[in-house]
Amino acid sequence: MNVLMFGWEFPPNISGGLGTACYGITKSLADRKTKITFVIPKTYGDEPHDQVRLIGANQIDLIKSKIRIERLEIPVECLSVESQMVPYVDPEIFQKQHISILENQKSSTTSSQLPAVKFTGKYGPGLMSEIHNFSVVGEYIASQTQFDVIHAHDWLTYPAGIAAKRVSGKPLVVHVHATDYDRSGGKINPRVFQIEQDGMEQADCVICVSNRTRQTVIDKYKIPAFKTRTVHNGVDFSKADTSSSLPRKDKSKIVTFLGRITLQKGPEYFIRVAELVLSKMKNVRFIMAGSGDMHHEMIREVANSHLADRFFFTGFLQGEEVCRMMKLSDVFVMPSVSEPFGICPLEAMQSGVPTIISKQSGVSEVVKHTIKVDFWDVHALGDAIHALLCYPSLSKMMVRCGQIESGNIKWEDAAVKIQTIYRELISSTLPKRSDHKPRSRKICKLSSKAGRAIAP
């Protein structure tokens, strides 16, 4: 079977868990003889091409493809923001960045000046415009490609998936890796919510990364339960280093937070629990690895709490840096406020690090040998950290059982379930309900000028 898949990033050029998940899914599907054409906004040339046909939307020649320029929203001059922001960030952040667009750009721009659409591949100020342009180019790619089913990852690619379905008539799967309710703490952005809801309503099947996320899709987005499926994420341990921890001259224990430093991940609770633990024992260092919109705020919070000599910020880590960080850690903590899944705890468990996760995470549905606490209960979290640091037998048991358990959570299992969904869609055996109709409303067009949604 052939699949046309849309994503926003692909390893090794990733900013967060979305790219990692896309690679795990595509690799495992390809191993099971599924042919995948994976479309992303921009390719860098160093992506693996051995199992997946990778297409950058920026490679499409507008002249040869005869894409009408007026359908695109093309900034002639755009100052992109170099950051590690990922798809789970509110677009309002992007609007605050500076972007310069020449006056009357569409009237003065000709096809000979623009052989291809320029995508930054970043989550910067032109994000909403790039989403629209990506859908236009995605529609053209769909018209020129042979495939059986469309698979769109996360809200950034839903418009492209809808466009591909419209031009091809093929079934559409949308994959919900997170919702705006997770990213915003309940204060949703209406434009993002509408894009998400449009994608889910137009889809023939909605894949959710956890039962928690599936319930959000049903309750908040009003998607009928029969159209939703839960497929838990996996983790790739092909390059995992399960050797003993790295030697350290400093005898201090290390407690690690690894992830985006945003509201969704609960970094402020990590700082609050650091105060509690350090009031009981002094030989502990706390490390916050990652980047995000709350990064500087958390640095100020640490300074105000007088924890500067016990608290360290590493910035964004990936690849070997993550492996090394895990090897240095004595405890891994994920205090997420709302975590659709959460791959990092599985990586920590496989690396031999005892883990503590919030009950508000999807990964808590598939693991037993980790300590689970409510994200807001810093006293319970502090007691758990203290116990793992002070009782070696408890820590060793968590490490031994955690490695066995996490090793059984594989992308191959996710691929089997996704292939089953593909086959059901292709053979039209997924349950259908004639009484369910998407709400009647105008589909919004994305405006690049102010990032607002306007009805055509």
Protein backbone atom coordinates (compact mmCIF):
# COMPACT_ATOMS: atom_id res chain seq x y z
CA MET A 1 0.00 0.00 0.00
CA ASN A 2 1.12 3.58 -0.71
CA VAL A 3 0.73 6.41 1.80
CA LEU A 4 1.03 10.15 1.23
CA MET A 5 2.12 11.55 4.59
CA PHE A 6 2.41 15.19 5.68
CA GLY A 7 4.63 16.33 8.54
CA TRP A 8 6.37 19.50 9.65
CA GLU A 9 9.84 18.18 10.52
CA PHE A 10 11.98 15.10 10.06
CA PRO A 11 15.16 13.94 11.83
CA PRO A 12 17.83 14.97 12.28
CA ASN A 13 16.33 18.47 11.92
CA ILE A 14 13.78 18.45 14.72
CA SER A 15 12.63 20.79 17.45
CA GLY A 16 10.63 18.40 19.60
CA GLY A 17 8.79 15.13 19.93
CA LEU A 18 6.73 15.47 16.74
CA GLY A 19 9.67 14.82 14.43
CA THR A 20 10.83 11.90 16.57
CA ALA A 21 7.38 10.34 16.46
CA CYS A 22 7.06 10.82 12.70
CA TYR A 23 10.38 9.07 12.13
CA GLY A 24 9.49 6.16 14.43
CA ILE A 25 6.16 5.66 12.66
CA THR A 26 7.48 5.95 9.10
CA LYS A 27 10.47 3.70 9.72
CA SER A 28 8.34 0.96 11.25
CA LEU A 29 5.70 1.22 8.52
CA ALA A 30 8.41 1.03 5.87
CA ASP A 31 9.85 -2.07 7.57
CA ARG A 32 6.39 -3.59 7.12
CA LYS A 33 6.44 -2.98 3.35
CA THR A 34 4.35 0.21 3.37
CA LYS A 35 5.56 2.70 0.76
CA ILE A 36 5.58 6.23 2.13
CA THR A 37 5.94 9.60 0.42
CA PHE A 38 6.65 11.99 3.28
CA VAL A 39 6.19 15.71 2.59
CA ILE A 40 7.70 18.41 4.81
CA PRO A 41 8.02 22.18 4.23
CA LYS A 42 11.79 22.14 3.76
CA THR A 43 14.49 19.51 3.34
CA TYR A 44 18.08 20.05 4.45
CA GLY A 45 19.77 17.24 2.54
CA ASP A 46 20.96 15.23 5.54
CA GLU A 47 17.71 13.37 6.19
CA PRO A 48 17.70 9.55 5.81
CA HIS A 49 16.19 8.52 2.46
CA ASP A 50 16.73 4.78 2.57
CA GLN A 51 13.18 3.77 3.51
CA VAL A 52 11.02 6.85 2.92
CA ARG A 53 10.61 9.04 -0.16
CA LEU A 54 11.09 12.49 1.33
CA ILE A 55 9.81 15.59 -0.50
CA GLY A 56 10.39 19.18 0.54
CA ALA A 57 7.55 21.51 -0.45
CA ASN A 58 10.27 24.08 -1.15
CA GLN A 59 11.49 21.88 -4.02
CA ILE A 60 8.34 22.27 -6.11
CA ASP A 61 8.91 24.46 -9.17
CA LEU A 62 5.99 26.86 -9.48
CA ILE A 63 6.54 27.41 -13.19
CA LYS A 64 6.57 23.74 -14.12
CA SER A 65 3.77 22.85 -11.71
CA LYS A 66 1.66 25.80 -12.90
CA ILE A 67 0.58 26.65 -9.36
CA ARG A 68 -1.25 29.96 -9.46
CA ILE A 69 0.77 32.56 -7.58
CA GLU A 70 -2.33 34.33 -6.33
CA ARG A 71 -3.27 31.22 -4.31
CA LEU A 72 -0.08 31.57 -2.29
CA GLU A 73 0.76 33.91 0.54
CA ILE A 74 4.42 34.56 -0.16
CA PRO A 75 6.41 37.01 1.97
CA VAL A 76 9.08 38.55 -0.26
CA GLU A 77 11.25 39.35 2.71
CA CYS A 78 10.86 37.46 5.98
CA LEU A 79 13.08 37.64 9.06
CA SER A 80 12.80 34.16 10.56
CA VAL A 81 13.29 33.66 14.28
CA GLU A 82 15.92 31.09 15.21
CA SER A 83 14.32 29.22 18.11
CA GLN A 84 13.50 25.74 19.34
CA MET A 85 9.76 26.37 19.43
CA VAL A 86 7.70 23.39 18.36
CA PRO A 87 4.21 22.93 16.94
CA TYR A 88 2.67 23.12 20.40
CA VAL A 89 3.18 26.90 20.78
CA ASP A 90 0.39 29.48 20.53
CA PRO A 91 0.59 31.41 17.22
CA GLU A 92 0.22 34.67 19.15
CA ILE A 93 3.91 34.30 19.99
CA PHE A 94 4.75 34.35 16.31
CA GLN A 95 2.83 37.57 15.72
CA LYS A 96 5.02 39.43 18.23
CA GLN A 97 8.11 38.84 16.10
CA HIS A 98 9.18 41.29 13.39
CA ILE A 99 8.28 40.48 9.78
CA SER A 100 8.77 42.78 6.83
CA ILE A 101 6.71 42.34 3.65
CA LEU A 102 7.19 44.63 0.66
CA GLU A 103 4.18 46.74 -0.36
CA ASN A 104 1.99 45.34 -3.11
CA GLN A 105 4.07 42.15 -3.19
CA LYS A 106 1.42 40.09 -4.96
CA SER A 107 0.82 42.63 -7.70
CA SER A 108 4.54 43.07 -8.38
CA THR A 109 5.50 39.39 -8.07
CA THR A 110 5.62 37.21 -11.17
CA SER A 111 6.06 33.50 -11.59
CA SER A 112 9.46 34.02 -13.21
CA GLN A 113 10.69 35.61 -9.99
CA LEU A 114 9.45 32.76 -7.81
CA PRO A 115 10.45 29.33 -9.19
CA ALA A 116 9.56 27.74 -5.82
CA VAL A 117 7.87 28.57 -2.54
CA LYS A 118 10.35 29.51 0.14
CA PHE A 119 9.72 27.76 3.43
CA THR A 120 11.87 28.54 6.46
CA GLY A 121 11.14 25.18 8.03
CA LYS A 122 11.01 27.06 11.33
CA TYR A 123 8.20 27.85 13.74
CA GLY A 124 8.70 31.56 13.24
CA PRO A 125 6.70 34.69 12.40
CA GLY A 126 5.46 33.42 9.04
CA LEU A 127 4.01 30.20 10.43
CA MET A 128 0.37 30.79 9.49
CA SER A 129 1.34 31.84 5.97
CA GLU A 130 3.56 28.77 5.59
CA ILE A 131 0.72 26.49 6.70
CA HIS A 132 -1.46 27.91 3.92
CA ASN A 133 1.29 27.68 1.29
CA PHE A 134 2.09 24.15 2.42
CA SER A 135 -1.53 23.14 1.78
CA VAL A 136 -1.43 24.61 -1.75
CA VAL A 137 1.80 22.80 -2.64
CA GLY A 138 0.53 19.67 -0.88
CA GLU A 139 -2.54 19.69 -3.11
CA TYR A 140 -0.30 19.77 -6.20
CA ILE A 141 1.89 16.92 -4.89
CA ALA A 142 -1.26 14.86 -4.24
CA SER A 143 -2.42 15.43 -7.82
CA GLN A 144 0.90 14.09 -9.15
CA THR A 145 1.38 11.12 -6.80
CA GLN A 146 -0.09 7.64 -6.70
CA PHE A 147 -1.25 6.65 -3.20
CA ASP A 148 -4.01 4.85 -1.32
CA VAL A 149 -4.40 6.89 1.85
CA ILE A 150 -3.39 10.30 3.27
CA HIS A 151 -1.86 10.69 6.75
CA ALA A 152 -1.43 14.20 8.26
CA HIS A 153 0.51 14.74 11.49
CA ASP A 154 -0.61 17.44 13.91
CA TRP A 155 -2.57 20.63 13.22
CA LEU A 156 0.14 22.26 11.09
CA THR A 157 -0.49 19.79 8.26
CA TYR A 158 -4.26 19.30 8.53
CA PRO A 159 -5.01 21.90 5.80
CA ALA A 160 -2.59 20.07 3.48
CA GLY A 161 -4.29 16.77 4.26
CA ILE A 162 -7.72 18.24 3.53
CA ALA A 163 -6.48 19.71 0.24
CA ALA A 164 -4.96 16.36 -0.77
CA LYS A 165 -8.22 14.58 0.02
CA ARG A 166 -10.19 17.11 -2.00
CA VAL A 167 -8.07 16.68 -5.13
CA SER A 168 -7.64 12.89 -4.89
CA GLY A 169 -10.77 11.57 -3.19
CA LYS A 170 -8.59 9.30 -1.05
CA PRO A 171 -9.31 8.66 2.65
CA LEU A 172 -7.66 10.99 5.18
CA VAL A 173 -6.14 10.06 8.55
CA VAL A 174 -5.21 12.87 10.93
CA HIS A 175 -2.82 12.07 13.77
CA VAL A 176 -3.35 14.06 16.97
CA HIS A 177 -0.04 14.36 18.81
CA ALA A 178 -1.36 17.24 20.95
CA THR A 179 -4.31 19.61 21.05
CA ASP A 180 -4.49 23.31 21.75
CA TYR A 181 -6.04 22.43 25.12
CA ASP A 182 -2.75 20.73 26.04
CA ARG A 183 -0.58 23.56 24.77
CA SER A 184 -2.56 26.45 26.26
CA GLY A 185 -3.71 25.07 29.59
CA GLY A 186 -7.32 25.44 28.48
CA LYS A 187 -7.03 29.00 27.12
CA ILE A 188 -7.41 27.96 23.51
CA ASN A 189 -6.53 30.04 20.47
CA PRO A 190 -9.72 30.15 18.34
CA ARG A 191 -7.82 30.02 15.04
CA VAL A 192 -5.76 26.99 16.00
CA PHE A 193 -8.82 25.28 17.48
CA GLN A 194 -10.71 25.78 14.22
CA ILE A 195 -7.85 24.34 12.13
CA GLU A 196 -7.71 21.34 14.45
CA GLN A 197 -11.47 20.82 14.40
CA ASP A 198 -11.71 21.22 10.61
CA GLY A 199 -9.01 18.58 10.19
CA MET A 200 -10.70 16.13 12.54
CA GLU A 201 -14.12 16.64 10.97
CA GLN A 202 -12.82 16.19 7.42
CA ALA A 203 -10.79 13.11 8.38
CA ASP A 204 -12.05 9.59 7.87
CA CYS A 205 -10.20 8.49 11.00
CA VAL A 206 -8.59 10.40 13.89
CA ILE A 207 -5.60 8.68 15.50
CA CYS A 208 -4.84 9.83 19.06
CA VAL A 209 -1.59 9.12 20.90
CA SER A 210 -3.38 8.22 24.16
CA ASN A 211 -6.81 7.53 25.60
CA ARG A 212 -6.49 10.84 27.40
CA THR A 213 -6.06 12.68 24.10
CA ARG A 214 -8.87 10.67 22.51
CA GLN A 215 -11.26 11.77 25.25
CA THR A 216 -10.26 15.41 24.66
CA VAL A 217 -10.97 14.99 20.93
CA ILE A 218 -14.40 13.56 21.70
CA ASP A 219 -15.37 15.99 24.46
CA LYS A 220 -13.83 19.27 23.31
CA TYR A 221 -13.85 18.91 19.51
CA LYS A 222 -17.15 17.02 19.33
CA ILE A 223 -15.73 14.27 17.14
CA PRO A 224 -17.82 11.06 17.31
CA ALA A 225 -16.13 8.26 19.22
CA PHE A 226 -16.54 5.75 16.38
CA LYS A 227 -14.20 7.83 14.20
CA THR A 228 -11.35 7.94 16.75
CA ARG A 229 -8.64 5.37 17.53
CA THR A 230 -5.91 5.29 20.17
CA VAL A 231 -2.43 4.29 19.01
CA HIS A 232 0.16 4.78 21.73
CA ASN A 233 3.60 5.97 20.71
CA GLY A 234 6.67 3.82 20.93
CA VAL A 235 10.35 4.54 21.31
CA ASP A 236 13.40 3.66 19.24
CA PHE A 237 16.08 1.84 21.20
CA SER A 238 18.17 0.75 18.21
CA LYS A 239 20.96 3.09 19.29
CA ALA A 240 20.28 3.02 23.01
CA ASP A 241 23.27 2.82 25.34
CA THR A 242 22.27 0.69 28.31
CA SER A 243 25.73 0.69 29.90
CA SER A 244 26.28 1.99 33.41
CA SER A 245 26.13 5.68 34.26
CA LEU A 246 29.03 7.98 33.51
CA PRO A 247 31.65 8.52 36.24
CA ARG A 248 31.42 11.87 38.02
CA LYS A 249 33.96 13.67 40.17
CA ASP A 250 31.14 15.51 41.90
CA LYS A 251 29.34 13.17 44.30
CA SER A 252 26.10 15.17 44.10
CA LYS A 253 22.97 13.43 42.89
CA ILE A 254 21.43 14.75 39.67
CA VAL A 255 17.67 15.19 39.08
CA THR A 256 16.77 16.00 35.47
CA PHE A 257 13.92 17.71 33.64
CA LEU A 258 14.16 17.26 29.86
CA GLY A 259 11.64 18.88 27.53
CA ARG A 260 10.21 22.12 26.24
CA ILE A 261 10.23 24.82 28.89
CA THR A 262 6.60 25.79 28.40
CA LEU A 263 3.40 25.91 30.46
CA GLN A 264 2.38 22.47 29.23
CA LYS A 265 5.49 20.77 30.64
CA GLY A 266 5.18 22.17 34.20
CA PRO A 267 8.72 23.60 34.64
CA GLU A 268 7.60 25.81 37.54
CA TYR A 269 6.65 22.72 39.56
CA PHE A 270 10.13 21.31 38.99
CA ILE A 271 11.63 24.46 40.51
CA ARG A 272 9.22 24.37 43.47
CA VAL A 273 10.06 20.75 44.23
CA ALA A 274 13.78 21.56 44.00
CA GLU A 275 13.31 23.95 46.92
CA LEU A 276 11.58 21.23 48.95
CA VAL A 277 14.21 18.56 48.26
CA LEU A 278 17.14 20.91 48.92
CA SER A 279 15.64 21.82 52.28
CA LYS A 280 16.14 18.15 53.29
CA MET A 281 19.38 17.24 51.51
CA LYS A 282 22.10 19.44 50.03
CA ASN A 283 24.03 17.04 47.79
CA VAL A 284 21.55 17.33 44.90
CA ARG A 285 21.78 19.23 41.62
CA PHE A 286 18.75 19.97 39.48
CA ILE A 287 19.11 20.25 35.70
CA MET A 288 16.53 21.74 33.34
CA ALA A 289 17.39 20.68 29.79
CA GLY A 290 15.46 22.23 26.93
CA SER A 291 14.21 25.54 25.59
CA GLY A 292 10.90 27.30 25.17
CA ASP A 293 8.90 30.45 25.77
CA MET A 294 9.23 30.18 29.60
CA HIS A 295 13.00 29.68 29.55
CA HIS A 296 14.01 33.15 30.74
CA GLU A 297 11.12 33.29 33.20
CA MET A 298 12.33 30.07 34.82
CA ILE A 299 15.89 31.40 35.03
CA ARG A 300 14.56 34.44 36.91
CA GLU A 301 12.49 32.17 39.16
CA VAL A 302 15.57 30.13 40.07
CA ALA A 303 17.52 33.30 40.83
CA ASN A 304 14.71 34.67 43.01
CA SER A 305 14.51 31.35 44.88
CA HIS A 306 18.27 31.46 45.64
CA LEU A 307 18.85 28.10 43.94
CA ALA A 308 21.43 29.29 41.41
CA ASP A 309 24.28 27.20 42.85
CA ARG A 310 22.18 24.02 42.72
CA PHE A 311 20.26 24.55 39.48
CA PHE A 312 21.53 24.41 35.88
CA PHE A 313 20.05 25.15 32.45
CA THR A 314 21.59 23.32 29.48
CA GLY A 315 19.53 24.67 26.58
CA PHE A 316 18.13 22.46 23.82
CA LEU A 317 19.65 18.96 23.62
CA GLN A 318 19.33 16.26 20.98
CA GLY A 319 20.92 13.01 19.87
CA GLU A 320 24.06 12.08 21.77
CA GLU A 321 23.61 15.03 24.11
CA VAL A 322 20.33 13.53 25.38
CA CYS A 323 21.97 10.13 25.88
CA ARG A 324 24.81 11.70 27.84
CA MET A 325 22.38 13.70 29.97
CA MET A 326 20.45 10.55 30.84
CA LYS A 327 23.67 8.77 31.79
CA LEU A 328 24.52 11.55 34.23
CA SER A 329 21.08 11.49 35.86
CA ASP A 330 20.02 9.73 39.05
CA VAL A 331 16.32 10.59 38.68
CA PHE A 332 14.25 11.76 35.70
CA VAL A 333 11.16 13.89 36.32
CA MET A 334 8.34 14.80 33.91
CA PRO A 335 5.87 17.07 35.81
CA SER A 336 3.72 17.86 32.76
CA VAL A 337 0.45 19.69 33.30
CA SER A 338 -1.06 18.05 30.21
CA GLU A 339 1.03 15.55 28.26
CA PRO A 340 -0.67 13.77 25.32
CA PHE A 341 1.97 11.02 25.52
CA GLY A 342 5.58 11.72 26.53
CA ILE A 343 8.43 9.73 24.96
CA CYS A 344 11.24 11.03 27.21
CA PRO A 345 10.32 8.89 30.25
CA LEU A 346 10.63 5.75 28.10
CA GLU A 347 14.08 6.88 26.96
CA ALA A 348 15.05 7.51 30.58
CA MET A 349 13.79 4.10 31.70
CA GLN A 350 15.70 2.35 28.93
CA SER A 351 18.83 4.32 29.87
CA GLY A 352 18.62 2.98 33.42
CA VAL A 353 17.22 6.07 35.12
CA PRO A 354 14.33 5.76 37.61
CA THR A 355 11.50 8.03 36.51
CA ILE A 356 8.70 10.08 38.01
CA ILE A 357 5.86 11.22 35.74
CA SER A 358 2.64 13.14 36.16
CA LYS A 359 -0.65 11.28 36.20
CA GLN A 360 -1.78 13.78 33.55
CA SER A 361 0.33 12.10 30.85
CA GLY A 362 -0.54 9.60 28.16
CA VAL A 363 2.55 7.50 28.82
CA SER A 364 1.16 6.74 32.29
CA GLU A 365 -1.38 4.52 30.50
CA VAL A 366 1.29 2.10 29.29
CA VAL A 367 3.92 1.96 32.09
CA LYS A 368 3.74 0.59 35.63
CA HIS A 369 7.32 0.73 36.87
CA THR A 370 7.52 4.46 37.38
CA ILE A 371 6.24 6.71 40.14
CA LYS A 372 3.10 8.64 39.16
CA VAL A 373 2.02 11.84 40.91
CA ASP A 374 -0.36 14.71 40.18
CA PHE A 375 1.64 17.52 38.56
CA TRP A 376 0.46 20.02 41.18
CA ASP A 377 1.38 17.86 44.19
CA VAL A 378 4.94 19.07 44.73
CA HIS A 379 5.09 17.46 48.17
CA ALA A 380 4.36 14.01 46.75
CA LEU A 381 6.86 14.68 43.97
CA GLY A 382 9.47 15.79 46.52
CA ASP A 383 8.91 12.65 48.62
CA ALA A 384 9.31 10.47 45.50
CA ILE A 385 12.60 12.14 44.52
CA HIS A 386 13.89 11.89 48.10
CA ALA A 387 13.01 8.18 48.27
CA LEU A 388 14.74 7.33 44.97
CA LEU A 389 17.88 9.21 46.03
CA CYS A 390 18.05 7.82 49.56
CA TYR A 391 16.99 4.19 49.09
CA PRO A 392 19.28 2.40 46.61
CA SER A 393 17.23 -0.81 46.64
CA LEU A 394 14.12 1.08 45.47
CA SER A 395 16.09 2.82 42.73
CA LYS A 396 17.69 -0.43 41.52
CA MET A 397 14.29 -2.16 41.36
CA MET A 398 12.84 0.74 39.35
CA VAL A 399 15.79 0.63 36.95
CA ARG A 400 15.66 -3.14 36.41
CA CYS A 401 11.88 -3.34 35.89
CA GLY A 402 11.77 -0.08 33.94
CA GLN A 403 14.28 -1.28 31.37
CA ILE A 404 12.32 -4.48 30.79
CA GLU A 405 8.98 -2.70 30.55
CA SER A 406 10.10 0.17 28.31
CA GLY A 407 11.84 -2.28 25.98
CA ASN A 408 8.44 -3.77 25.14
CA ILE A 409 6.92 -0.46 24.03
CA LYS A 410 7.91 -0.35 20.37
CA TRP A 411 7.08 1.62 17.24
CA GLU A 412 6.50 -1.71 15.50
CA ASP A 413 3.35 -2.22 17.58
CA ALA A 414 2.10 1.23 16.63
CA ALA A 415 2.80 0.48 12.96
CA VAL A 416 0.70 -2.71 13.08
CA LYS A 417 -2.30 -0.77 14.42
CA ILE A 418 -1.86 2.04 11.88
CA GLN A 419 -1.63 -0.41 9.00
CA THR A 420 -4.87 -2.01 10.18
CA ILE A 421 -6.55 1.40 10.08
CA TYR A 422 -5.21 2.00 6.56
CA ARG A 423 -6.62 -1.31 5.33
CA GLU A 424 -10.02 -0.63 6.88
CA LEU A 425 -10.16 2.79 5.26
CA ILE A 426 -9.10 1.50 1.86
CA SER A 427 -11.67 -1.29 1.99
CA SER A 428 -14.28 1.06 3.49
CA THR A 429 -14.85 -1.12 6.53
CA LEU A 430 -14.43 1.57 9.17
CA PRO A 431 -17.78 2.18 10.87
CA LYS A 432 -19.77 5.07 9.43
CA ARG A 433 -22.70 6.99 10.77
CA SER A 434 -25.10 8.72 8.42
CA ASP A 435 -26.45 10.89 11.22
CA HIS A 436 -23.14 12.65 11.87
CA LYS A 437 -22.53 15.73 9.81
CA PRO A 438 -19.81 18.35 10.34
CA ARG A 439 -21.18 21.62 11.56
CA SER A 440 -22.07 24.00 8.75
CA ARG A 441 -19.65 26.87 8.71
CA LYS A 442 -17.24 28.57 6.37
CA ILE A 443 -13.75 27.21 6.14
CA CYS A 444 -11.38 29.95 7.12
CA LYS A 445 -8.50 31.18 5.04
CA LEU A 446 -5.25 31.99 6.82
CA SER A 447 -4.06 35.54 6.46
CA SER A 448 -0.32 36.12 6.50
CA LYS A 449 -0.60 39.80 7.26
CA ALA A 450 -1.83 39.53 10.83
CA GLY A 451 -2.09 35.77 11.27
CA ARG A 452 -5.86 36.05 11.60
CA ALA A 453 -8.58 33.87 10.20
CA ILE A 454 -10.89 35.53 7.70
CA ALA A 455 -13.91 34.05 5.97
CA PRO A 456 -13.65 34.04 2.17
